Protein backbone atom coordinates (compact mmCIF):
# COMPACT_ATOMS: atom_id res chain seq x y z
CA MET A 1 35.45 -63.71 -347.77
CA ASN A 2 39.29 -63.53 -346.26
CA GLU A 3 39.49 -60.46 -344.74
CA LYS A 4 40.00 -60.68 -341.07
CA TYR A 5 37.81 -59.93 -338.20
CA ASN A 6 38.27 -58.49 -334.91
CA VAL A 7 35.87 -59.65 -332.85
CA TYR A 8 34.07 -57.60 -329.18
CA LEU A 9 33.10 -59.03 -326.55
CA VAL A 10 30.78 -56.70 -323.98
CA SER A 11 29.78 -58.22 -321.19
CA ASP A 12 27.99 -56.68 -317.92
CA SER A 13 28.90 -59.88 -316.14
CA THR A 14 31.73 -62.30 -316.37
CA GLY A 15 30.84 -62.83 -320.09
CA GLU A 16 30.39 -66.76 -319.97
CA THR A 17 26.39 -66.53 -321.51
CA LEU A 18 28.38 -64.72 -324.57
CA ASP A 19 31.28 -66.48 -324.90
CA ARG A 20 29.85 -69.47 -325.35
CA ILE A 21 27.31 -68.05 -328.01
CA PHE A 22 30.16 -66.83 -329.79
CA LEU A 23 31.40 -70.07 -329.93
CA SER A 24 28.17 -72.00 -332.09
CA LEU A 25 28.20 -68.54 -333.69
CA GLN A 26 31.57 -68.81 -335.42
CA SER A 27 31.43 -72.66 -335.83
CA GLN A 28 29.01 -72.02 -338.54
CA PHE A 29 31.23 -70.37 -340.60
CA LYS A 30 34.17 -72.37 -342.06
CA ASN A 31 36.31 -68.83 -343.40
CA PHE A 32 35.51 -67.09 -340.14
CA LYS A 33 39.14 -65.47 -339.57
CA TYR A 34 38.91 -63.16 -336.36
CA GLU A 35 40.63 -62.33 -333.31
CA LYS A 36 39.02 -61.85 -329.79
CA LYS A 37 38.39 -59.60 -327.30
CA GLU A 38 36.07 -59.54 -323.81
CA PHE A 39 35.30 -56.79 -321.85
CA PHE A 40 34.08 -57.64 -318.52
CA PHE A 41 31.23 -56.37 -315.90
CA VAL A 42 30.76 -53.24 -317.82
CA ARG A 43 28.14 -51.61 -316.12
CA THR A 44 28.26 -47.67 -316.54
CA GLU A 45 28.40 -45.29 -319.28
CA GLN A 46 32.06 -43.85 -319.11
CA GLN A 47 32.93 -47.51 -319.10
CA VAL A 48 31.15 -47.98 -322.90
CA ASP A 49 33.17 -44.51 -324.20
CA LYS A 50 36.65 -46.47 -323.35
CA ILE A 51 35.61 -49.06 -325.15
CA ILE A 52 34.53 -47.20 -327.93
CA ASN A 53 37.10 -44.31 -327.94
CA VAL A 54 40.16 -46.67 -326.39
CA GLY A 55 39.53 -50.09 -326.42
CA LEU A 56 38.30 -51.25 -329.86
CA LYS A 57 41.76 -51.52 -332.24
CA GLY A 58 42.41 -53.34 -335.64
CA ASP A 59 40.45 -53.29 -338.67
CA ASN A 60 36.64 -54.61 -339.22
CA PRO A 61 35.42 -53.88 -335.82
CA ILE A 62 32.65 -55.85 -334.06
CA ILE A 63 30.86 -55.75 -331.26
CA LEU A 64 28.29 -58.44 -329.69
CA TYR A 65 27.07 -57.63 -326.32
CA THR A 66 24.94 -59.51 -323.79
CA ILE A 67 23.52 -56.17 -321.40
CA VAL A 68 20.35 -56.21 -319.67
CA GLU A 69 20.01 -52.82 -317.87
CA THR A 70 18.25 -51.29 -321.23
CA LYS A 71 19.00 -48.03 -320.72
CA LEU A 72 22.84 -48.52 -321.13
CA ALA A 73 21.94 -51.66 -323.75
CA LYS A 74 20.50 -48.66 -326.16
CA TYR A 75 23.79 -46.57 -325.53
CA LEU A 76 25.92 -49.05 -326.67
CA SER A 77 24.39 -49.37 -329.73
CA LYS A 78 23.99 -45.69 -330.45
CA LYS A 79 27.82 -44.92 -329.37
CA SER A 80 28.42 -47.91 -331.62
CA GLU A 81 26.37 -46.38 -334.56
CA GLN A 82 27.98 -43.28 -334.48
CA ALA A 83 31.38 -45.29 -334.81
CA SER A 84 30.25 -47.42 -337.56
CA ILE A 85 30.69 -50.77 -335.95
CA PRO A 86 28.53 -53.10 -336.69
CA CYS A 87 26.84 -54.05 -332.97
CA PHE A 88 24.74 -56.86 -331.72
CA GLY A 89 22.71 -56.97 -328.82
CA VAL A 90 22.53 -61.45 -328.32
CA LEU A 91 19.72 -61.22 -325.04
CA GLY A 92 17.85 -58.10 -325.36
CA SER A 93 15.11 -58.99 -328.22
CA LEU A 94 15.21 -62.43 -326.50
CA ILE A 95 14.17 -60.66 -323.19
CA LEU A 96 11.42 -58.40 -324.67
CA ALA A 97 9.58 -61.38 -326.15
CA PHE A 98 9.68 -63.15 -322.99
CA SER A 99 8.14 -60.16 -321.14
CA LYS A 100 5.46 -60.23 -323.32
CA LEU A 101 4.98 -64.15 -323.23
CA LEU A 102 5.25 -64.04 -319.64
CA ASN A 103 2.91 -61.16 -319.17
CA GLN A 104 5.66 -59.84 -317.36
CA LYS A 105 8.18 -57.50 -316.85
CA ALA A 106 11.83 -58.18 -316.70
CA ILE A 107 14.84 -56.83 -313.56
CA HIS A 108 17.22 -56.10 -316.12
CA LYS A 109 19.67 -57.60 -313.12
CA PRO A 110 22.79 -57.62 -314.02
CA SER A 111 24.82 -61.65 -313.29
CA ALA A 112 21.03 -62.59 -312.03
CA GLN A 113 22.26 -66.24 -313.29
CA HIS A 114 25.01 -66.27 -310.57
CA VAL A 115 22.52 -66.21 -307.08
CA LEU A 116 24.03 -68.22 -304.50
CA ASP A 117 20.56 -70.37 -304.72
CA GLU A 118 20.33 -74.16 -303.72
CA GLU A 119 21.17 -74.92 -307.49
CA TYR A 120 24.37 -73.19 -307.23
CA TYR A 121 25.39 -74.73 -303.82
CA LYS A 122 24.73 -78.78 -305.24
CA ARG A 123 26.86 -77.68 -308.39
CA ILE A 124 29.76 -76.58 -305.76
CA GLU A 125 28.93 -79.80 -303.73
CA ALA A 126 29.16 -81.56 -307.46
CA ILE A 127 32.37 -80.13 -308.44
CA GLN A 128 33.77 -81.01 -305.17
CA PHE A 129 33.09 -84.55 -305.31
CA THR A 130 33.88 -85.17 -308.84
CA MET A 131 37.20 -83.75 -307.94
CA SER A 132 37.77 -86.00 -304.71
CA HIS A 133 36.57 -89.21 -306.96
CA ASP A 134 38.98 -88.52 -309.99
CA ASP A 135 41.04 -91.31 -312.09
CA GLY A 136 39.49 -94.13 -309.46
CA LYS A 137 40.02 -92.27 -306.05
CA LYS A 138 37.49 -92.78 -303.23
CA THR A 139 35.88 -96.29 -304.18
CA GLU A 140 34.62 -96.62 -301.09
CA ASP A 141 31.37 -94.06 -301.43
CA LEU A 142 30.80 -95.13 -305.35
CA SER A 143 26.71 -95.33 -304.28
CA LYS A 144 27.12 -91.61 -303.99
CA SER A 145 27.50 -90.81 -307.25
CA ASP A 146 24.78 -89.55 -309.88
CA VAL A 147 27.33 -91.80 -312.05
CA ILE A 148 30.46 -93.42 -312.94
CA LEU A 149 32.35 -93.43 -315.97
CA LEU A 150 34.69 -96.44 -316.74
CA GLY A 151 37.12 -96.60 -319.43
CA VAL A 152 40.36 -97.53 -320.47
CA SER A 153 43.04 -94.57 -320.37
CA ARG A 154 42.61 -91.35 -322.41
CA THR A 155 38.82 -91.66 -323.38
CA SER A 156 38.39 -88.55 -321.58
CA LYS A 157 36.88 -89.53 -318.32
CA THR A 158 38.37 -86.30 -316.54
CA PRO A 159 37.39 -83.36 -318.76
CA THR A 160 33.72 -85.28 -319.00
CA SER A 161 33.37 -86.05 -315.72
CA ILE A 162 34.55 -81.68 -314.84
CA TYR A 163 31.78 -80.88 -317.39
CA LEU A 164 29.43 -82.97 -315.83
CA ALA A 165 30.14 -81.51 -311.93
CA ASN A 166 29.52 -78.21 -313.42
CA ARG A 167 25.85 -79.23 -314.70
CA GLY A 168 25.41 -80.37 -310.98
CA PHE A 169 26.27 -83.78 -311.38
CA LYS A 170 28.41 -85.68 -308.93
CA THR A 171 30.58 -88.24 -311.39
CA THR A 172 33.43 -90.74 -310.19
CA ASN A 173 35.26 -92.21 -312.96
CA ILE A 174 37.05 -95.62 -313.16
CA PRO A 175 40.51 -96.17 -315.74
CA LEU A 176 40.31 -99.51 -316.64
CA VAL A 177 44.21 -100.98 -316.11
CA PRO A 178 44.53 -104.45 -317.44
CA ASN A 179 44.24 -107.48 -315.15
CA GLN A 180 43.01 -104.39 -312.62
CA GLU A 181 39.69 -105.58 -310.82
CA ILE A 182 36.92 -103.05 -310.90
CA PRO A 183 34.97 -102.27 -307.36
CA ASN A 184 33.66 -105.67 -306.01
CA ASP A 185 30.23 -102.43 -305.97
CA LEU A 186 29.97 -102.70 -309.58
CA LYS A 187 28.43 -105.88 -309.98
CA ASN A 188 26.44 -105.82 -307.64
CA LYS A 189 23.07 -106.12 -309.67
CA ASP A 190 21.40 -104.05 -306.93
CA PHE A 191 23.77 -100.91 -307.42
CA LYS A 192 21.49 -98.04 -307.73
CA SER A 193 23.99 -95.78 -309.65
CA CYS A 194 24.40 -95.03 -313.11
CA VAL A 195 27.19 -96.64 -314.65
CA ILE A 196 28.30 -95.78 -318.41
CA GLY A 197 31.16 -97.27 -320.50
CA LEU A 198 33.39 -95.10 -322.28
CA PHE A 199 34.91 -96.46 -325.46
CA ALA A 200 37.29 -95.18 -328.61
CA ASP A 201 38.50 -96.25 -331.75
CA PRO A 202 42.27 -97.98 -331.02
CA GLU A 203 44.01 -95.85 -333.82
CA ARG A 204 42.90 -92.93 -332.22
CA LEU A 205 44.25 -93.49 -328.59
CA SER A 206 47.25 -95.11 -329.60
CA ASP A 207 47.69 -91.23 -331.33
CA ILE A 208 46.63 -89.84 -328.55
CA ARG A 209 49.19 -91.92 -326.15
CA ARG A 210 52.06 -91.32 -327.93
CA ASN A 211 51.14 -87.10 -328.17
CA ARG A 212 50.53 -87.51 -324.29
CA VAL A 213 54.11 -89.44 -323.89
CA ALA A 214 56.15 -87.08 -326.05
CA LEU A 215 54.17 -83.90 -324.17
CA MET A 216 55.58 -85.18 -320.38
CA GLN A 217 58.59 -86.51 -321.94
CA GLU A 218 57.45 -89.28 -319.89
CA ASN A 219 58.66 -93.15 -319.37
CA SER A 220 55.87 -95.37 -320.28
CA SER A 221 56.14 -98.98 -321.17
CA SER A 222 55.73 -100.04 -324.83
CA ASN A 223 51.98 -101.78 -324.22
CA TYR A 224 50.80 -98.29 -323.54
CA THR A 225 51.02 -97.07 -327.04
CA ASP A 226 51.47 -100.31 -328.85
CA ILE A 227 48.14 -100.80 -331.04
CA LYS A 228 48.04 -104.21 -330.79
CA SER A 229 47.78 -103.98 -327.04
CA ILE A 230 45.40 -100.79 -327.05
CA LYS A 231 42.74 -102.81 -329.18
CA GLN A 232 43.24 -105.87 -326.74
CA GLU A 233 42.34 -103.63 -323.93
CA VAL A 234 39.02 -101.21 -325.91
CA GLU A 235 37.75 -105.49 -326.50
CA GLU A 236 37.94 -106.39 -323.26
CA SER A 237 36.47 -102.78 -321.94
CA LYS A 238 33.80 -103.64 -323.87
CA SER A 239 33.38 -107.14 -323.18
CA LEU A 240 32.76 -105.73 -319.30
CA PHE A 241 30.16 -103.30 -320.78
CA ARG A 242 28.44 -105.62 -322.39
CA LYS A 243 28.71 -108.34 -319.08
CA TYR A 244 26.73 -106.24 -316.68
CA ASN A 245 24.62 -104.50 -319.64
CA TRP A 246 25.95 -101.11 -319.23
CA PRO A 247 25.67 -98.33 -321.99
CA THR A 248 28.12 -97.45 -323.73
CA ILE A 249 29.73 -94.28 -326.24
CA ASP A 250 31.74 -93.91 -328.42
CA VAL A 251 33.83 -90.74 -327.45
CA THR A 252 35.89 -91.16 -331.17
CA ARG A 253 35.14 -88.18 -332.37
CA LYS A 254 33.05 -86.66 -330.07
CA SER A 255 33.91 -83.73 -328.00
CA VAL A 256 33.74 -83.27 -324.01
CA GLU A 257 30.12 -81.68 -324.17
CA GLU A 258 28.55 -83.74 -326.78
CA THR A 259 29.80 -86.60 -324.99
CA ALA A 260 28.90 -85.28 -321.79
CA ALA A 261 25.21 -84.57 -323.51
CA SER A 262 24.82 -88.46 -323.72
CA ILE A 263 25.35 -89.22 -320.79
CA ILE A 264 22.89 -86.84 -318.81
CA LYS A 265 20.06 -87.88 -321.26
CA ILE A 266 20.83 -91.70 -320.31
CA ILE A 267 20.90 -90.62 -316.79
CA GLU A 268 17.08 -88.94 -317.00
CA ILE A 269 15.88 -92.23 -318.97
CA LYS A 270 17.31 -94.25 -315.98
CA LYS A 271 16.08 -92.02 -313.15
CA ASN A 272 12.39 -92.20 -315.33
CA LYS A 273 12.16 -96.19 -315.63
């Protein structure tokens, strides 16, 4: 139960897919202690040999891999079996099942998902837009946003915006500051872009703000971390969201990914109205 494992992620591409799958997998086991090492762009038998013979160190090794070229995947599996190392292919059986379902042969091409197509350039454009519209910048072209996030300080507006941008959504985030007006465009009832309010528990915000001030060694006004002032900020933000009938999300116990998923659902609902 308390053994520590050495997990090796082997990918023929960037390893992004495999890393996310492993993150989901390990989260299901409370007492799973491990060290992780990643091998990217593994595309030859020589690379596999080097990993098995040199790269694997420590007790209780486990190999997870995403290798779409069938021959190389079988070679890694064979070498792992010879070395008595548990080895699991993440995509192999799924690709085979889809091949049968679609009645067509898979291309088995590494990095096939990283093509420079229209969807790729859409994501790059969204990232550039979002970075230049972070923290209330460039509010003169809000109508170009797919979504606009509002919230008081430390409600995860920036990381959520970046995550959404990576999904292809042009995102603007605007901080709600006491005694500071929101952009006039947002007050227009005919404004088309999706506007969403983010809020969090004041106690939690106070903790996060105190930690940030200590970490950054910043000089901040007492109101920034004062629980009474934060409660007032949060209530005023909620009042603003109600006034304009904007959907809201409580981010107190949500990860950035969970918040983004909720936002995407709201965008889709608005789009289909």
